């Protein structure tokens, strides 16, 4: 979501700052409301999740988009991965998400 917001703001608004298309405006409002971290932080976090925990890119993106706060929420997102994650790994991921969100 953060990346979509960046693209819309950089490309569409810079080209036509007075854009009045309802779909574009509604999309921008939605992304601004639900993007939890900046696009740069999102990219870095996705890369770190993939590197440190061996996550598939799609899984890492979903985790960053949703920023789960509980073990159960995170386990649901990790369900598509081909391996099981230890309680320690789950806790480490949640701590990473929390620290990124707070910084």
N, C-alpha and C. Protein backbone atom coordinates (compact mmCIF):
# COMPACT_ATOMS: atom_id res chain seq x y z
N UNK A 1 0.81 -1.19 0.00
CA UNK A 1 0.00 0.00 0.00
C UNK A 1 0.86 1.26 0.00
N UNK A 2 1.92 1.23 0.76
CA UNK A 2 2.79 2.41 0.84
C UNK A 2 3.37 2.75 -0.53
N UNK A 3 3.75 1.74 -1.27
CA UNK A 3 4.33 1.96 -2.59
C UNK A 3 3.27 2.48 -3.56
N UNK A 4 2.06 1.96 -3.48
CA UNK A 4 0.98 2.44 -4.34
C UNK A 4 0.69 3.91 -4.04
N UNK A 5 0.69 4.28 -2.77
CA UNK A 5 0.47 5.67 -2.40
C UNK A 5 1.57 6.56 -2.96
N UNK A 6 2.81 6.12 -2.84
CA UNK A 6 3.92 6.91 -3.37
C UNK A 6 3.78 7.12 -4.87
N UNK A 7 3.45 6.06 -5.58
CA UNK A 7 3.32 6.16 -7.04
C UNK A 7 2.19 7.11 -7.41
N UNK A 8 1.05 6.97 -6.77
CA UNK A 8 -0.07 7.86 -7.08
C UNK A 8 0.28 9.31 -6.78
N UNK A 9 0.87 9.54 -5.63
CA UNK A 9 1.21 10.91 -5.27
C UNK A 9 2.28 11.48 -6.19
N UNK A 10 3.30 10.71 -6.49
CA UNK A 10 4.40 11.21 -7.32
C UNK A 10 3.99 11.41 -8.77
N UNK A 11 3.32 10.44 -9.31
CA UNK A 11 3.02 10.48 -10.75
C UNK A 11 1.75 11.25 -11.07
N UNK A 12 0.65 10.84 -10.50
CA UNK A 12 -0.62 11.45 -10.87
C UNK A 12 -0.77 12.88 -10.39
N UNK A 13 -0.44 13.11 -9.16
CA UNK A 13 -0.64 14.44 -8.61
C UNK A 13 0.35 15.44 -9.20
N UNK A 14 1.58 15.01 -9.44
CA UNK A 14 2.56 15.93 -10.02
C UNK A 14 2.19 16.28 -11.46
N UNK A 15 1.56 15.37 -12.15
CA UNK A 15 1.14 15.63 -13.53
C UNK A 15 -0.09 16.53 -13.56
N UNK A 16 -1.03 16.25 -12.65
CA UNK A 16 -2.29 16.98 -12.64
C UNK A 16 -2.71 17.23 -11.19
N UNK A 17 -2.15 18.28 -10.56
CA UNK A 17 -2.43 18.51 -9.14
C UNK A 17 -3.90 18.78 -8.82
N UNK A 18 -4.65 19.23 -9.76
CA UNK A 18 -6.07 19.51 -9.52
C UNK A 18 -6.98 18.37 -9.91
N UNK A 19 -6.46 17.16 -9.91
CA UNK A 19 -7.23 16.00 -10.36
C UNK A 19 -8.52 15.85 -9.55
N UNK A 20 -9.61 15.64 -10.26
CA UNK A 20 -10.90 15.54 -9.59
C UNK A 20 -11.59 14.20 -9.82
N UNK A 21 -10.89 13.28 -10.42
CA UNK A 21 -11.45 11.95 -10.66
C UNK A 21 -11.78 11.29 -9.32
N UNK A 22 -13.03 10.90 -9.13
CA UNK A 22 -13.46 10.32 -7.86
C UNK A 22 -12.72 9.03 -7.53
N UNK A 23 -12.47 8.22 -8.52
CA UNK A 23 -11.78 6.95 -8.27
C UNK A 23 -10.37 7.21 -7.76
N UNK A 24 -9.67 8.13 -8.40
CA UNK A 24 -8.30 8.45 -7.97
C UNK A 24 -8.32 9.06 -6.58
N UNK A 25 -9.22 10.01 -6.34
CA UNK A 25 -9.30 10.64 -5.02
C UNK A 25 -9.67 9.64 -3.94
N UNK A 26 -10.62 8.75 -4.22
CA UNK A 26 -11.00 7.73 -3.23
C UNK A 26 -9.84 6.78 -2.95
N UNK A 27 -9.10 6.42 -4.00
CA UNK A 27 -7.95 5.54 -3.83
C UNK A 27 -6.88 6.22 -2.98
N UNK A 28 -6.60 7.47 -3.29
CA UNK A 28 -5.62 8.22 -2.50
C UNK A 28 -6.05 8.32 -1.04
N UNK A 29 -7.30 8.62 -0.80
CA UNK A 29 -7.79 8.72 0.58
C UNK A 29 -7.66 7.38 1.31
N UNK A 30 -8.00 6.30 0.63
CA UNK A 30 -7.88 4.97 1.23
C UNK A 30 -6.43 4.65 1.57
N UNK A 31 -5.53 4.88 0.63
CA UNK A 31 -4.11 4.57 0.84
C UNK A 31 -3.52 5.43 1.95
N UNK A 32 -3.89 6.70 1.99
CA UNK A 32 -3.39 7.57 3.06
C UNK A 32 -3.88 7.11 4.43
N UNK A 33 -5.10 6.64 4.47
CA UNK A 33 -5.68 6.21 5.74
C UNK A 33 -5.07 4.90 6.23
N UNK A 34 -4.82 3.96 5.32
CA UNK A 34 -4.42 2.62 5.73
C UNK A 34 -2.95 2.28 5.53
N UNK A 35 -2.17 3.15 4.90
CA UNK A 35 -0.73 2.91 4.81
C UNK A 35 -0.14 3.13 6.19
N UNK A 36 0.52 2.12 6.69
CA UNK A 36 0.98 2.16 8.08
C UNK A 36 2.39 2.70 8.24
N UNK A 37 3.19 2.62 7.18
CA UNK A 37 4.56 3.14 7.23
C UNK A 37 4.88 3.80 5.89
N UNK A 38 5.98 4.52 5.85
CA UNK A 38 6.38 5.21 4.62
C UNK A 38 6.81 4.19 3.56
N UNK A 39 6.77 4.60 2.29
CA UNK A 39 7.22 3.69 1.22
C UNK A 39 8.66 3.21 1.39
N UNK A 40 9.55 4.10 1.82
CA UNK A 40 10.95 3.69 2.00
C UNK A 40 11.09 2.66 3.11
N UNK A 41 10.41 2.89 4.22
CA UNK A 41 10.44 1.91 5.31
C UNK A 41 9.82 0.59 4.87
N UNK A 42 8.76 0.66 4.08
CA UNK A 42 8.10 -0.56 3.60
C UNK A 42 9.05 -1.39 2.75
N UNK A 43 9.76 -0.74 1.83
CA UNK A 43 10.72 -1.46 0.98
C UNK A 43 11.81 -2.12 1.82
N UNK A 44 12.35 -1.36 2.77
CA UNK A 44 13.41 -1.90 3.62
C UNK A 44 12.90 -3.07 4.46
N UNK A 45 11.70 -2.94 4.98
CA UNK A 45 11.13 -3.99 5.82
C UNK A 45 10.85 -5.25 5.01
N UNK A 46 10.35 -5.10 3.81
CA UNK A 46 10.10 -6.26 2.93
C UNK A 46 11.41 -7.00 2.67
N UNK A 47 12.45 -6.25 2.34
CA UNK A 47 13.76 -6.86 2.09
C UNK A 47 14.29 -7.58 3.32
N UNK A 48 14.15 -6.95 4.48
CA UNK A 48 14.65 -7.57 5.71
C UNK A 48 13.88 -8.84 6.05
N UNK A 49 12.57 -8.84 5.88
CA UNK A 49 11.77 -10.04 6.14
C UNK A 49 12.19 -11.18 5.22
N UNK A 50 12.44 -10.85 3.96
CA UNK A 50 12.85 -11.88 3.01
C UNK A 50 14.22 -12.43 3.37
N UNK A 51 15.15 -11.55 3.73
CA UNK A 51 16.52 -11.97 4.02
C UNK A 51 16.63 -12.71 5.36
N UNK A 52 16.10 -12.11 6.41
CA UNK A 52 16.26 -12.69 7.75
C UNK A 52 15.43 -13.93 7.99
N UNK A 53 14.24 -13.99 7.39
CA UNK A 53 13.32 -15.07 7.70
C UNK A 53 13.00 -15.96 6.50
N UNK A 54 13.60 -15.66 5.35
CA UNK A 54 13.40 -16.50 4.17
C UNK A 54 11.99 -16.45 3.62
N UNK A 55 11.31 -15.34 3.80
CA UNK A 55 9.93 -15.24 3.33
C UNK A 55 9.88 -14.98 1.83
N UNK A 56 8.84 -15.48 1.19
CA UNK A 56 8.58 -15.16 -0.20
C UNK A 56 8.22 -13.68 -0.28
N UNK A 57 8.51 -13.04 -1.39
CA UNK A 57 8.26 -11.61 -1.53
C UNK A 57 6.78 -11.28 -1.31
N UNK A 58 5.89 -12.07 -1.87
CA UNK A 58 4.45 -11.81 -1.73
C UNK A 58 4.02 -11.88 -0.26
N UNK A 59 4.54 -12.83 0.48
CA UNK A 59 4.22 -12.96 1.90
C UNK A 59 4.74 -11.74 2.66
N UNK A 60 5.96 -11.34 2.37
CA UNK A 60 6.55 -10.18 3.04
C UNK A 60 5.74 -8.92 2.75
N UNK A 61 5.31 -8.76 1.53
CA UNK A 61 4.50 -7.59 1.16
C UNK A 61 3.18 -7.59 1.93
N UNK A 62 2.53 -8.73 2.00
CA UNK A 62 1.27 -8.82 2.74
C UNK A 62 1.46 -8.49 4.22
N UNK A 63 2.54 -8.99 4.79
CA UNK A 63 2.82 -8.71 6.20
C UNK A 63 3.02 -7.21 6.41
N UNK A 64 3.78 -6.58 5.53
CA UNK A 64 4.02 -5.14 5.66
C UNK A 64 2.74 -4.34 5.43
N UNK A 65 1.93 -4.76 4.48
CA UNK A 65 0.66 -4.06 4.23
C UNK A 65 -0.26 -4.13 5.43
N UNK A 66 -0.32 -5.28 6.07
CA UNK A 66 -1.28 -5.49 7.16
C UNK A 66 -0.71 -5.22 8.55
N UNK A 67 0.62 -5.31 8.68
CA UNK A 67 1.30 -5.07 9.96
C UNK A 67 0.60 -5.78 11.12
N UNK A 68 0.56 -7.11 11.08
CA UNK A 68 -0.12 -7.85 12.16
C UNK A 68 0.49 -7.54 13.52
N UNK A 69 -0.36 -7.60 14.55
CA UNK A 69 0.10 -7.27 15.89
C UNK A 69 0.11 -8.47 16.82
N UNK A 70 -0.54 -9.54 16.41
CA UNK A 70 -0.60 -10.71 17.27
C UNK A 70 -0.02 -11.92 16.56
N UNK A 71 0.33 -12.91 17.37
CA UNK A 71 0.87 -14.16 16.85
C UNK A 71 -0.12 -14.82 15.89
N UNK A 72 -1.38 -14.84 16.27
CA UNK A 72 -2.39 -15.48 15.42
C UNK A 72 -2.54 -14.79 14.07
N UNK A 73 -2.55 -13.46 14.08
CA UNK A 73 -2.65 -12.72 12.82
C UNK A 73 -1.46 -13.04 11.92
N UNK A 74 -0.27 -13.06 12.49
CA UNK A 74 0.93 -13.33 11.71
C UNK A 74 0.94 -14.76 11.19
N UNK A 75 0.56 -15.71 12.02
CA UNK A 75 0.55 -17.12 11.59
C UNK A 75 -0.37 -17.33 10.38
N UNK A 76 -1.47 -16.62 10.33
CA UNK A 76 -2.37 -16.73 9.18
C UNK A 76 -1.65 -16.29 7.90
N UNK A 77 -0.94 -15.19 7.98
CA UNK A 77 -0.21 -14.69 6.81
C UNK A 77 0.94 -15.60 6.42
N UNK A 78 1.53 -16.26 7.40
CA UNK A 78 2.65 -17.17 7.12
C UNK A 78 2.17 -18.54 6.63
N UNK A 79 0.89 -18.76 6.62
CA UNK A 79 0.33 -20.05 6.22
C UNK A 79 0.65 -20.45 4.79
N UNK A 80 0.97 -19.50 3.94
CA UNK A 80 1.29 -19.82 2.55
C UNK A 80 2.75 -20.22 2.36
N UNK A 81 3.56 -20.02 3.39
CA UNK A 81 4.97 -20.38 3.29
C UNK A 81 5.13 -21.91 3.35
N UNK A 82 6.23 -22.40 2.83
CA UNK A 82 6.44 -23.85 2.72
C UNK A 82 7.07 -24.46 3.95
N UNK A 83 7.21 -23.68 5.02
CA UNK A 83 7.82 -24.21 6.23
C UNK A 83 7.10 -23.67 7.45
N UNK A 84 7.35 -24.31 8.55
CA UNK A 84 6.80 -23.87 9.83
C UNK A 84 7.75 -22.85 10.46
N UNK A 85 7.20 -21.92 11.22
CA UNK A 85 8.01 -20.93 11.91
C UNK A 85 7.93 -21.18 13.40
N UNK A 86 9.08 -21.09 14.06
CA UNK A 86 9.14 -21.30 15.50
C UNK A 86 8.49 -20.12 16.21
N UNK A 87 8.15 -20.34 17.47
CA UNK A 87 7.59 -19.25 18.28
C UNK A 87 8.58 -18.08 18.36
N UNK A 88 9.86 -18.39 18.44
CA UNK A 88 10.89 -17.35 18.50
C UNK A 88 10.91 -16.52 17.22
N UNK A 89 10.82 -17.18 16.07
CA UNK A 89 10.80 -16.47 14.79
C UNK A 89 9.56 -15.57 14.69
N UNK A 90 8.43 -16.10 15.12
CA UNK A 90 7.18 -15.32 15.09
C UNK A 90 7.35 -14.06 15.96
N UNK A 91 7.89 -14.26 17.14
CA UNK A 91 8.09 -13.14 18.06
C UNK A 91 9.10 -12.14 17.48
N UNK A 92 10.15 -12.64 16.84
CA UNK A 92 11.14 -11.76 16.22
C UNK A 92 10.52 -10.93 15.09
N UNK A 93 9.68 -11.54 14.29
CA UNK A 93 9.00 -10.82 13.21
C UNK A 93 8.09 -9.74 13.79
N UNK A 94 7.31 -10.10 14.79
CA UNK A 94 6.41 -9.12 15.41
C UNK A 94 7.19 -7.96 16.03
N UNK A 95 8.32 -8.26 16.66
CA UNK A 95 9.15 -7.20 17.24
C UNK A 95 9.73 -6.29 16.16
N UNK A 96 10.14 -6.88 15.04
CA UNK A 96 10.65 -6.10 13.93
C UNK A 96 9.57 -5.16 13.38
N UNK A 97 8.36 -5.69 13.21
CA UNK A 97 7.25 -4.86 12.73
C UNK A 97 6.95 -3.72 13.70
N UNK A 98 6.93 -4.05 14.98
CA UNK A 98 6.64 -3.04 16.00
C UNK A 98 7.70 -1.95 16.01
N UNK A 99 8.96 -2.35 15.96
CA UNK A 99 10.04 -1.35 16.02
C UNK A 99 10.05 -0.48 14.76
N UNK A 100 9.72 -1.05 13.62
CA UNK A 100 9.67 -0.27 12.38
C UNK A 100 8.51 0.72 12.42
N UNK A 101 7.39 0.27 12.93
CA UNK A 101 6.20 1.12 13.00
C UNK A 101 6.41 2.29 13.95
N UNK A 102 7.15 2.07 15.03
CA UNK A 102 7.36 3.10 16.04
C UNK A 102 8.45 4.10 15.64
N UNK A 103 9.34 3.70 14.75
CA UNK A 103 10.45 4.60 14.40
C UNK A 103 10.06 5.60 13.31
